[in-house]
Amino acid sequence: MLIAVLAILVVCTILFASLTIRITETELRWHFGPCLIRKKVALADIQLAESITIKFIYGWGIHLTLQGWLYNVSGFKAVAIKMKNGKQFVLGTDEPEKLHEAIKNMTRVS
């Protein structure tokens, strides 16, 4: 039993050790660890992006919050993103202002 628990902890550590966020000419992409868990959205579909501080109770990982899905590995700084279709999500980052500015420059949103 102990070995199984340790194995699960090792796998989770590898999968969620880092969150990488990239902006291409057409997409906002992010993935955890070695790219097994990844998402993307078209920049043209983003309506609003803003730097925020997430609540302590939201914690880390991937889960549903009042502001949509949260993708975070550490800290409480993030960028909340609202899509034109009304969906929302939050990306945790150590540099929320930099990410917000990059999205703003690529999409011309506030």
N, C-alpha and C. Protein backbone atom coordinates (compact mmCIF):
# COMPACT_ATOMS: atom_id res chain seq x y z
N MET A 1 0.82 -1.20 0.00
CA MET A 1 0.00 0.00 0.00
C MET A 1 0.87 1.26 0.00
N LEU A 2 1.90 1.26 0.79
CA LEU A 2 2.80 2.42 0.86
C LEU A 2 3.47 2.67 -0.49
N ILE A 3 3.86 1.60 -1.16
CA ILE A 3 4.50 1.74 -2.47
C ILE A 3 3.52 2.33 -3.48
N ALA A 4 2.27 1.91 -3.43
CA ALA A 4 1.26 2.45 -4.35
C ALA A 4 1.04 3.94 -4.11
N VAL A 5 0.96 4.34 -2.85
CA VAL A 5 0.79 5.76 -2.51
C VAL A 5 1.99 6.57 -2.98
N LEU A 6 3.19 6.05 -2.73
CA LEU A 6 4.40 6.75 -3.18
C LEU A 6 4.45 6.86 -4.70
N ALA A 7 4.04 5.81 -5.39
CA ALA A 7 4.03 5.84 -6.86
C ALA A 7 3.06 6.90 -7.37
N ILE A 8 1.90 7.00 -6.76
CA ILE A 8 0.92 8.02 -7.16
C ILE A 8 1.49 9.42 -6.90
N LEU A 9 2.13 9.61 -5.76
CA LEU A 9 2.73 10.91 -5.46
C LEU A 9 3.83 11.28 -6.45
N VAL A 10 4.64 10.33 -6.85
CA VAL A 10 5.71 10.57 -7.82
C VAL A 10 5.11 10.96 -9.17
N VAL A 11 4.10 10.23 -9.61
CA VAL A 11 3.45 10.53 -10.90
C VAL A 11 2.83 11.93 -10.86
N CYS A 12 2.13 12.26 -9.78
CA CYS A 12 1.51 13.59 -9.67
C CYS A 12 2.57 14.69 -9.65
N THR A 13 3.68 14.43 -8.97
CA THR A 13 4.76 15.42 -8.93
C THR A 13 5.32 15.66 -10.33
N ILE A 14 5.50 14.61 -11.08
CA ILE A 14 6.02 14.76 -12.45
C ILE A 14 5.01 15.48 -13.34
N LEU A 15 3.74 15.09 -13.25
CA LEU A 15 2.71 15.70 -14.09
C LEU A 15 2.46 17.17 -13.77
N PHE A 16 2.52 17.54 -12.49
CA PHE A 16 2.13 18.88 -12.08
C PHE A 16 3.29 19.71 -11.53
N ALA A 17 4.51 19.36 -11.88
CA ALA A 17 5.67 20.10 -11.38
C ALA A 17 5.78 21.49 -11.98
N SER A 18 5.28 21.65 -13.18
CA SER A 18 5.38 22.96 -13.84
C SER A 18 4.17 23.21 -14.72
N LEU A 19 3.90 24.48 -14.95
CA LEU A 19 2.86 24.91 -15.86
C LEU A 19 3.52 25.85 -16.86
N THR A 20 3.49 25.47 -18.12
CA THR A 20 4.09 26.28 -19.18
C THR A 20 2.99 26.92 -20.00
N ILE A 21 3.08 28.24 -20.17
CA ILE A 21 2.08 29.00 -20.92
C ILE A 21 2.79 29.63 -22.11
N ARG A 22 2.22 29.44 -23.30
CA ARG A 22 2.80 30.00 -24.53
C ARG A 22 1.72 30.72 -25.33
N ILE A 23 2.15 31.77 -26.00
CA ILE A 23 1.25 32.48 -26.90
C ILE A 23 1.87 32.44 -28.29
N THR A 24 1.11 31.87 -29.24
CA THR A 24 1.55 31.88 -30.64
C THR A 24 0.82 33.01 -31.33
N GLU A 25 0.95 33.10 -32.62
CA GLU A 25 0.25 34.14 -33.38
C GLU A 25 -1.26 33.97 -33.33
N THR A 26 -1.72 32.73 -33.12
CA THR A 26 -3.17 32.47 -33.17
C THR A 26 -3.75 31.84 -31.91
N GLU A 27 -2.90 31.34 -31.00
CA GLU A 27 -3.41 30.59 -29.86
C GLU A 27 -2.72 30.91 -28.55
N LEU A 28 -3.47 30.71 -27.48
CA LEU A 28 -2.93 30.70 -26.13
C LEU A 28 -2.92 29.23 -25.72
N ARG A 29 -1.73 28.71 -25.38
CA ARG A 29 -1.57 27.30 -25.05
C ARG A 29 -0.95 27.16 -23.67
N TRP A 30 -1.32 26.11 -22.96
CA TRP A 30 -0.67 25.82 -21.70
C TRP A 30 -0.65 24.32 -21.47
N HIS A 31 0.38 23.87 -20.74
CA HIS A 31 0.49 22.45 -20.42
C HIS A 31 1.21 22.27 -19.09
N PHE A 32 0.90 21.16 -18.45
CA PHE A 32 1.55 20.78 -17.21
C PHE A 32 2.67 19.80 -17.52
N GLY A 33 3.77 19.91 -16.77
CA GLY A 33 4.87 18.96 -16.84
C GLY A 33 5.24 18.58 -18.25
N PRO A 34 5.26 17.26 -18.54
CA PRO A 34 5.73 16.78 -19.84
C PRO A 34 4.65 16.78 -20.94
N CYS A 35 3.73 17.70 -20.92
CA CYS A 35 2.72 17.90 -21.99
C CYS A 35 1.63 16.84 -22.05
N LEU A 36 1.46 16.04 -21.03
CA LEU A 36 0.37 15.07 -21.07
C LEU A 36 -0.98 15.74 -20.84
N ILE A 37 -0.98 16.80 -20.04
CA ILE A 37 -2.21 17.55 -19.79
C ILE A 37 -2.00 18.92 -20.42
N ARG A 38 -2.75 19.19 -21.51
CA ARG A 38 -2.55 20.44 -22.25
C ARG A 38 -3.88 20.98 -22.76
N LYS A 39 -3.92 22.29 -22.94
CA LYS A 39 -5.12 22.97 -23.42
C LYS A 39 -4.70 24.10 -24.35
N LYS A 40 -5.65 24.59 -25.13
CA LYS A 40 -5.39 25.74 -25.98
C LYS A 40 -6.70 26.43 -26.32
N VAL A 41 -6.62 27.73 -26.57
CA VAL A 41 -7.77 28.50 -27.03
C VAL A 41 -7.28 29.45 -28.12
N ALA A 42 -8.16 29.77 -29.03
CA ALA A 42 -7.82 30.72 -30.09
C ALA A 42 -7.80 32.14 -29.50
N LEU A 43 -6.77 32.89 -29.84
CA LEU A 43 -6.68 34.28 -29.36
C LEU A 43 -7.87 35.10 -29.82
N ALA A 44 -8.39 34.79 -31.00
CA ALA A 44 -9.53 35.53 -31.54
C ALA A 44 -10.80 35.34 -30.70
N ASP A 45 -10.83 34.29 -29.88
CA ASP A 45 -12.00 33.99 -29.07
C ASP A 45 -11.94 34.62 -27.67
N ILE A 46 -10.83 35.28 -27.34
CA ILE A 46 -10.68 35.89 -26.03
C ILE A 46 -11.33 37.27 -26.01
N GLN A 47 -12.21 37.49 -25.05
CA GLN A 47 -12.90 38.77 -24.90
C GLN A 47 -12.20 39.67 -23.89
N LEU A 48 -11.72 39.08 -22.78
CA LEU A 48 -11.16 39.87 -21.69
C LEU A 48 -10.10 39.07 -20.96
N ALA A 49 -9.04 39.75 -20.54
CA ALA A 49 -8.01 39.13 -19.70
C ALA A 49 -7.64 40.15 -18.63
N GLU A 50 -7.49 39.67 -17.38
CA GLU A 50 -7.09 40.58 -16.31
C GLU A 50 -6.25 39.87 -15.28
N SER A 51 -5.26 40.58 -14.74
CA SER A 51 -4.42 40.05 -13.67
C SER A 51 -5.23 40.03 -12.38
N ILE A 52 -5.14 38.92 -11.66
CA ILE A 52 -5.89 38.78 -10.42
C ILE A 52 -5.03 38.07 -9.36
N THR A 53 -5.51 38.09 -8.14
CA THR A 53 -4.95 37.27 -7.08
C THR A 53 -6.02 36.25 -6.71
N ILE A 54 -5.66 34.98 -6.80
CA ILE A 54 -6.66 33.95 -6.51
C ILE A 54 -6.74 33.72 -5.00
N LYS A 55 -7.88 33.25 -4.56
CA LYS A 55 -8.11 33.00 -3.15
C LYS A 55 -7.29 31.80 -2.67
N PHE A 56 -6.84 31.88 -1.44
CA PHE A 56 -6.07 30.80 -0.83
C PHE A 56 -6.82 29.47 -0.90
N ILE A 57 -8.12 29.51 -0.70
CA ILE A 57 -8.90 28.27 -0.67
C ILE A 57 -8.96 27.57 -2.04
N TYR A 58 -8.65 28.30 -3.13
CA TYR A 58 -8.66 27.68 -4.45
C TYR A 58 -7.49 26.72 -4.61
N GLY A 59 -6.41 26.95 -3.89
CA GLY A 59 -5.27 26.04 -3.92
C GLY A 59 -4.61 25.93 -5.28
N TRP A 60 -4.06 24.75 -5.53
CA TRP A 60 -3.30 24.51 -6.75
C TRP A 60 -3.82 23.28 -7.48
N GLY A 61 -3.44 23.15 -8.74
CA GLY A 61 -3.88 22.02 -9.55
C GLY A 61 -4.89 22.47 -10.59
N ILE A 62 -5.74 21.55 -10.98
CA ILE A 62 -6.79 21.83 -11.96
C ILE A 62 -8.11 21.57 -11.27
N HIS A 63 -8.92 22.59 -11.14
CA HIS A 63 -10.25 22.39 -10.59
C HIS A 63 -11.15 23.57 -10.89
N LEU A 64 -12.44 23.34 -10.72
CA LEU A 64 -13.45 24.34 -11.02
C LEU A 64 -13.59 25.32 -9.86
N THR A 65 -13.61 26.62 -10.19
CA THR A 65 -13.79 27.67 -9.19
C THR A 65 -14.96 28.56 -9.65
N LEU A 66 -15.24 29.57 -8.86
CA LEU A 66 -16.29 30.52 -9.25
C LEU A 66 -15.91 31.31 -10.50
N GLN A 67 -14.63 31.37 -10.82
CA GLN A 67 -14.15 32.08 -12.01
C GLN A 67 -13.83 31.14 -13.17
N GLY A 68 -14.37 29.94 -13.14
CA GLY A 68 -14.12 28.97 -14.19
C GLY A 68 -13.01 28.01 -13.77
N TRP A 69 -12.48 27.25 -14.71
CA TRP A 69 -11.43 26.28 -14.42
C TRP A 69 -10.15 27.00 -14.05
N LEU A 70 -9.49 26.52 -13.01
CA LEU A 70 -8.22 27.05 -12.55
C LEU A 70 -7.12 26.07 -12.92
N TYR A 71 -6.04 26.59 -13.51
CA TYR A 71 -4.86 25.80 -13.83
C TYR A 71 -3.70 26.50 -13.13
N ASN A 72 -3.15 25.86 -12.07
CA ASN A 72 -2.16 26.54 -11.25
C ASN A 72 -1.24 25.51 -10.58
N VAL A 73 0.05 25.87 -10.45
CA VAL A 73 0.98 24.97 -9.76
C VAL A 73 1.58 25.59 -8.51
N SER A 74 1.54 26.90 -8.37
CA SER A 74 2.07 27.53 -7.16
C SER A 74 1.64 28.99 -7.10
N GLY A 75 1.69 29.53 -5.91
CA GLY A 75 1.40 30.95 -5.73
C GLY A 75 -0.06 31.29 -5.91
N PHE A 76 -0.34 32.60 -5.82
CA PHE A 76 -1.72 33.07 -5.88
C PHE A 76 -1.93 34.15 -6.93
N LYS A 77 -0.94 34.37 -7.78
CA LYS A 77 -1.07 35.33 -8.87
C LYS A 77 -1.57 34.59 -10.10
N ALA A 78 -2.42 35.26 -10.87
CA ALA A 78 -3.01 34.59 -12.03
C ALA A 78 -3.57 35.60 -13.02
N VAL A 79 -4.00 35.08 -14.16
CA VAL A 79 -4.70 35.87 -15.17
C VAL A 79 -6.04 35.19 -15.41
N ALA A 80 -7.11 35.94 -15.20
CA ALA A 80 -8.46 35.46 -15.47
C ALA A 80 -8.80 35.80 -16.91
N ILE A 81 -9.33 34.84 -17.62
CA ILE A 81 -9.64 35.02 -19.05
C ILE A 81 -11.10 34.70 -19.28
N LYS A 82 -11.77 35.62 -19.97
CA LYS A 82 -13.17 35.40 -20.36
C LYS A 82 -13.22 35.29 -21.87
N MET A 83 -13.88 34.25 -22.33
CA MET A 83 -14.01 34.01 -23.76
C MET A 83 -15.27 34.70 -24.30
N LYS A 84 -15.32 34.91 -25.60
CA LYS A 84 -16.48 35.53 -26.23
C LYS A 84 -17.74 34.69 -26.08
N ASN A 85 -17.58 33.39 -25.89
CA ASN A 85 -18.74 32.51 -25.71
C ASN A 85 -19.21 32.46 -24.26
N GLY A 86 -18.57 33.25 -23.37
CA GLY A 86 -18.98 33.33 -21.98
C GLY A 86 -18.20 32.42 -21.04
N LYS A 87 -17.47 31.45 -21.57
CA LYS A 87 -16.68 30.58 -20.71
C LYS A 87 -15.52 31.37 -20.10
N GLN A 88 -15.09 30.94 -18.91
CA GLN A 88 -13.99 31.60 -18.21
C GLN A 88 -13.01 30.56 -17.69
N PHE A 89 -11.75 30.97 -17.53
CA PHE A 89 -10.76 30.13 -16.88
C PHE A 89 -9.67 31.03 -16.32
N VAL A 90 -8.84 30.45 -15.46
CA VAL A 90 -7.78 31.19 -14.78
C VAL A 90 -6.48 30.42 -14.93
N LEU A 91 -5.42 31.15 -15.34
CA LEU A 91 -4.09 30.56 -15.46
C LEU A 91 -3.19 31.14 -14.38
N GLY A 92 -2.68 30.30 -13.50
CA GLY A 92 -1.74 30.74 -12.48
C GLY A 92 -0.39 31.04 -13.11
N THR A 93 0.28 32.11 -12.65
CA THR A 93 1.57 32.49 -13.19
C THR A 93 2.31 33.35 -12.19
N ASP A 94 3.63 33.27 -12.22
CA ASP A 94 4.46 34.14 -11.38
C ASP A 94 4.54 35.55 -11.95
N GLU A 95 4.16 35.69 -13.22
CA GLU A 95 4.25 36.98 -13.90
C GLU A 95 2.91 37.35 -14.56
N PRO A 96 1.88 37.62 -13.75
CA PRO A 96 0.56 37.88 -14.33
C PRO A 96 0.52 39.13 -15.21
N GLU A 97 1.24 40.17 -14.83
CA GLU A 97 1.22 41.39 -15.64
C GLU A 97 1.82 41.14 -17.01
N LYS A 98 2.90 40.37 -17.05
CA LYS A 98 3.55 40.05 -18.33
C LYS A 98 2.63 39.22 -19.22
N LEU A 99 1.96 38.21 -18.65
CA LEU A 99 1.04 37.38 -19.43
C LEU A 99 -0.16 38.21 -19.89
N HIS A 100 -0.71 39.02 -19.00
CA HIS A 100 -1.85 39.88 -19.36
C HIS A 100 -1.47 40.80 -20.51
N GLU A 101 -0.31 41.42 -20.41
CA GLU A 101 0.15 42.35 -21.46
C GLU A 101 0.34 41.62 -22.79
N ALA A 102 0.90 40.42 -22.75
CA ALA A 102 1.11 39.64 -23.98
C ALA A 102 -0.23 39.28 -24.64
N ILE A 103 -1.19 38.86 -23.83
CA ILE A 103 -2.53 38.55 -24.38
C ILE A 103 -3.16 39.80 -24.95
N LYS A 104 -3.05 40.89 -24.21
CA LYS A 104 -3.63 42.16 -24.65
C LYS A 104 -3.02 42.59 -25.99
N ASN A 105 -1.72 42.48 -26.12
CA ASN A 105 -1.05 42.90 -27.36
C ASN A 105 -1.40 42.00 -28.54
N MET A 106 -1.63 40.72 -28.28
CA MET A 106 -1.95 39.79 -29.36
C MET A 106 -3.42 39.82 -29.75
N THR A 107 -4.30 40.24 -28.82
CA THR A 107 -5.73 40.17 -29.09
C THR A 107 -6.41 41.54 -29.19
N ARG A 108 -5.72 42.54 -28.70
CA ARG A 108 -6.27 43.91 -28.65
C ARG A 108 -7.47 44.00 -27.71
N VAL A 109 -7.45 43.19 -26.61
CA VAL A 109 -8.49 43.28 -25.59
C VAL A 109 -7.92 44.00 -24.38
N SER A 110 -8.77 44.35 -23.44
CA SER A 110 -8.28 45.02 -22.23
C SER A 110 -7.82 44.02 -21.19
